[in-house]
Amino acid sequence: MQATLQKQAKKAIDNLPEDKLRVVLDFMGYLQAKEKIPNALTRATFRKTDAGKDLVRCKNVDDMFKKLGI
């Protein structure tokens, strides 16, 4: 099954123009990056923000930039 799927993918890639191939490769990179496991600090931050803690609330974009010091 996997060999057939790989053959189909290779055939499809061989027929793609370069600009569309770039999009496919970028998307594949995105999928691979998405599978990475967050580190301990990131997981702790997600737990806090999911619980509504340590959030910075902004009224609008200007307020956000002001709070970020930009």
C-alpha atoms as a PDB file:
ATOM      1  CA  MET A   1       0.000   0.000   0.000  1.00  0.00           C
ATOM      2  CA  GLN A   2       2.687   2.529   1.021  1.00  0.00           C
ATOM      3  CA  ALA A   3       4.808   1.777  -2.064  1.00  0.00           C
ATOM      4  CA  THR A   4       1.830   2.481  -4.334  1.00  0.00           C
ATOM      5  CA  LEU A   5       1.114   5.747  -2.539  1.00  0.00           C
ATOM      6  CA  GLN A   6       4.766   6.788  -2.840  1.00  0.00           C
ATOM      7  CA  LYS A   7       4.729   6.025  -6.570  1.00  0.00           C
ATOM      8  CA  GLN A   8       1.586   8.124  -6.991  1.00  0.00           C
ATOM      9  CA  ALA A   9       3.156  10.999  -5.052  1.00  0.00           C
ATOM     10  CA  LYS A  10       6.369  10.868  -7.096  1.00  0.00           C
ATOM     11  CA  LYS A  11       4.394  10.867 -10.350  1.00  0.00           C
ATOM     12  CA  ALA A  12       2.317  13.842  -9.209  1.00  0.00           C
ATOM     13  CA  ILE A  13       5.451  15.756  -8.132  1.00  0.00           C
ATOM     14  CA  ASP A  14       7.215  15.033 -11.416  1.00  0.00           C
ATOM     15  CA  ASN A  15       4.349  16.708 -13.271  1.00  0.00           C
ATOM     16  CA  LEU A  16       4.153  19.868 -11.157  1.00  0.00           C
ATOM     17  CA  PRO A  17       5.480  23.191 -12.401  1.00  0.00           C
ATOM     18  CA  GLU A  18       8.223  24.642 -10.203  1.00  0.00           C
ATOM     19  CA  ASP A  19       6.065  27.341  -8.575  1.00  0.00           C
ATOM     20  CA  LYS A  20       3.481  24.791  -7.469  1.00  0.00           C
ATOM     21  CA  LEU A  21       6.175  22.377  -6.332  1.00  0.00           C
ATOM     22  CA  ARG A  22       7.526  25.124  -4.036  1.00  0.00           C
ATOM     23  CA  VAL A  23       4.069  25.457  -2.447  1.00  0.00           C
ATOM     24  CA  VAL A  24       3.877  21.693  -1.890  1.00  0.00           C
ATOM     25  CA  LEU A  25       7.356  21.597  -0.340  1.00  0.00           C
ATOM     26  CA  ASP A  26       6.554  24.543   1.925  1.00  0.00           C
ATOM     27  CA  PHE A  27       3.362  22.814   3.064  1.00  0.00           C
ATOM     28  CA  MET A  28       5.240  19.580   3.729  1.00  0.00           C
ATOM     29  CA  GLY A  29       7.717  21.522   5.860  1.00  0.00           C
ATOM     30  CA  TYR A  30       4.796  23.038   7.766  1.00  0.00           C
ATOM     31  CA  LEU A  31       3.339  19.584   8.421  1.00  0.00           C
ATOM     32  CA  GLN A  32       6.673  18.284   9.686  1.00  0.00           C
ATOM     33  CA  ALA A  33       7.182  21.305  11.952  1.00  0.00           C
ATOM     34  CA  LYS A  34       3.697  20.904  13.357  1.00  0.00           C
ATOM     35  CA  GLU A  35       4.575  17.453  14.653  1.00  0.00           C
ATOM     36  CA  LYS A  36       7.339  18.759  16.921  1.00  0.00           C
ATOM     37  CA  ILE A  37       6.609  18.427  20.623  1.00  0.00           C
ATOM     38  CA  PRO A  38       6.618  21.755  22.492  1.00  0.00           C
ATOM     39  CA  ASN A  39       9.282  22.167  25.179  1.00  0.00           C
ATOM     40  CA  ALA A  40       8.448  22.423  28.896  1.00  0.00           C
ATOM     41  CA  LEU A  41       8.230  26.236  28.912  1.00  0.00           C
ATOM     42  CA  THR A  42       5.860  26.266  25.947  1.00  0.00           C
ATOM     43  CA  ARG A  43       3.643  23.587  27.508  1.00  0.00           C
ATOM     44  CA  ALA A  44       3.533  25.530  30.792  1.00  0.00           C
ATOM     45  CA  THR A  45       2.636  28.710  28.914  1.00  0.00           C
ATOM     46  CA  PHE A  46      -0.166  26.913  27.065  1.00  0.00           C
ATOM     47  CA  ARG A  47      -1.561  25.589  30.352  1.00  0.00           C
ATOM     48  CA  LYS A  48      -1.583  29.106  31.832  1.00  0.00           C
ATOM     49  CA  THR A  49      -3.152  30.792  28.827  1.00  0.00           C
ATOM     50  CA  ASP A  50      -5.718  28.013  28.411  1.00  0.00           C
ATOM     51  CA  ALA A  51      -6.698  28.699  32.040  1.00  0.00           C
ATOM     52  CA  GLY A  52      -6.940  32.429  31.292  1.00  0.00           C
ATOM     53  CA  LYS A  53      -3.826  33.321  33.317  1.00  0.00           C
ATOM     54  CA  ASP A  54      -0.974  35.666  32.341  1.00  0.00           C
ATOM     55  CA  LEU A  55      -2.861  37.032  29.353  1.00  0.00           C
ATOM     56  CA  VAL A  56      -2.286  40.528  28.030  1.00  0.00           C
ATOM     57  CA  ARG A  57      -5.543  41.981  26.809  1.00  0.00           C
ATOM     58  CA  CYS A  58      -5.516  44.752  24.245  1.00  0.00           C
ATOM     59  CA  LYS A  59      -8.306  47.081  23.146  1.00  0.00           C
ATOM     60  CA  ASN A  60      -6.981  47.310  19.588  1.00  0.00           C
ATOM     61  CA  VAL A  61      -3.817  47.080  17.514  1.00  0.00           C
ATOM     62  CA  ASP A  62      -2.493  50.431  18.718  1.00  0.00           C
ATOM     63  CA  ASP A  63      -2.955  49.328  22.340  1.00  0.00           C
ATOM     64  CA  MET A  64      -1.137  46.073  21.564  1.00  0.00           C
ATOM     65  CA  PHE A  65       1.823  47.884  20.004  1.00  0.00           C
ATOM     66  CA  LYS A  66       1.960  50.258  22.986  1.00  0.00           C
ATOM     67  CA  LYS A  67       2.031  47.333  25.423  1.00  0.00           C
ATOM     68  CA  LEU A  68       4.728  45.642  23.339  1.00  0.00           C
ATOM     69  CA  GLY A  69       6.776  48.845  23.319  1.00  0.00           C
ATOM     70  CA  ILE A  70       6.665  49.149  19.564  1.00  0.00           C
END
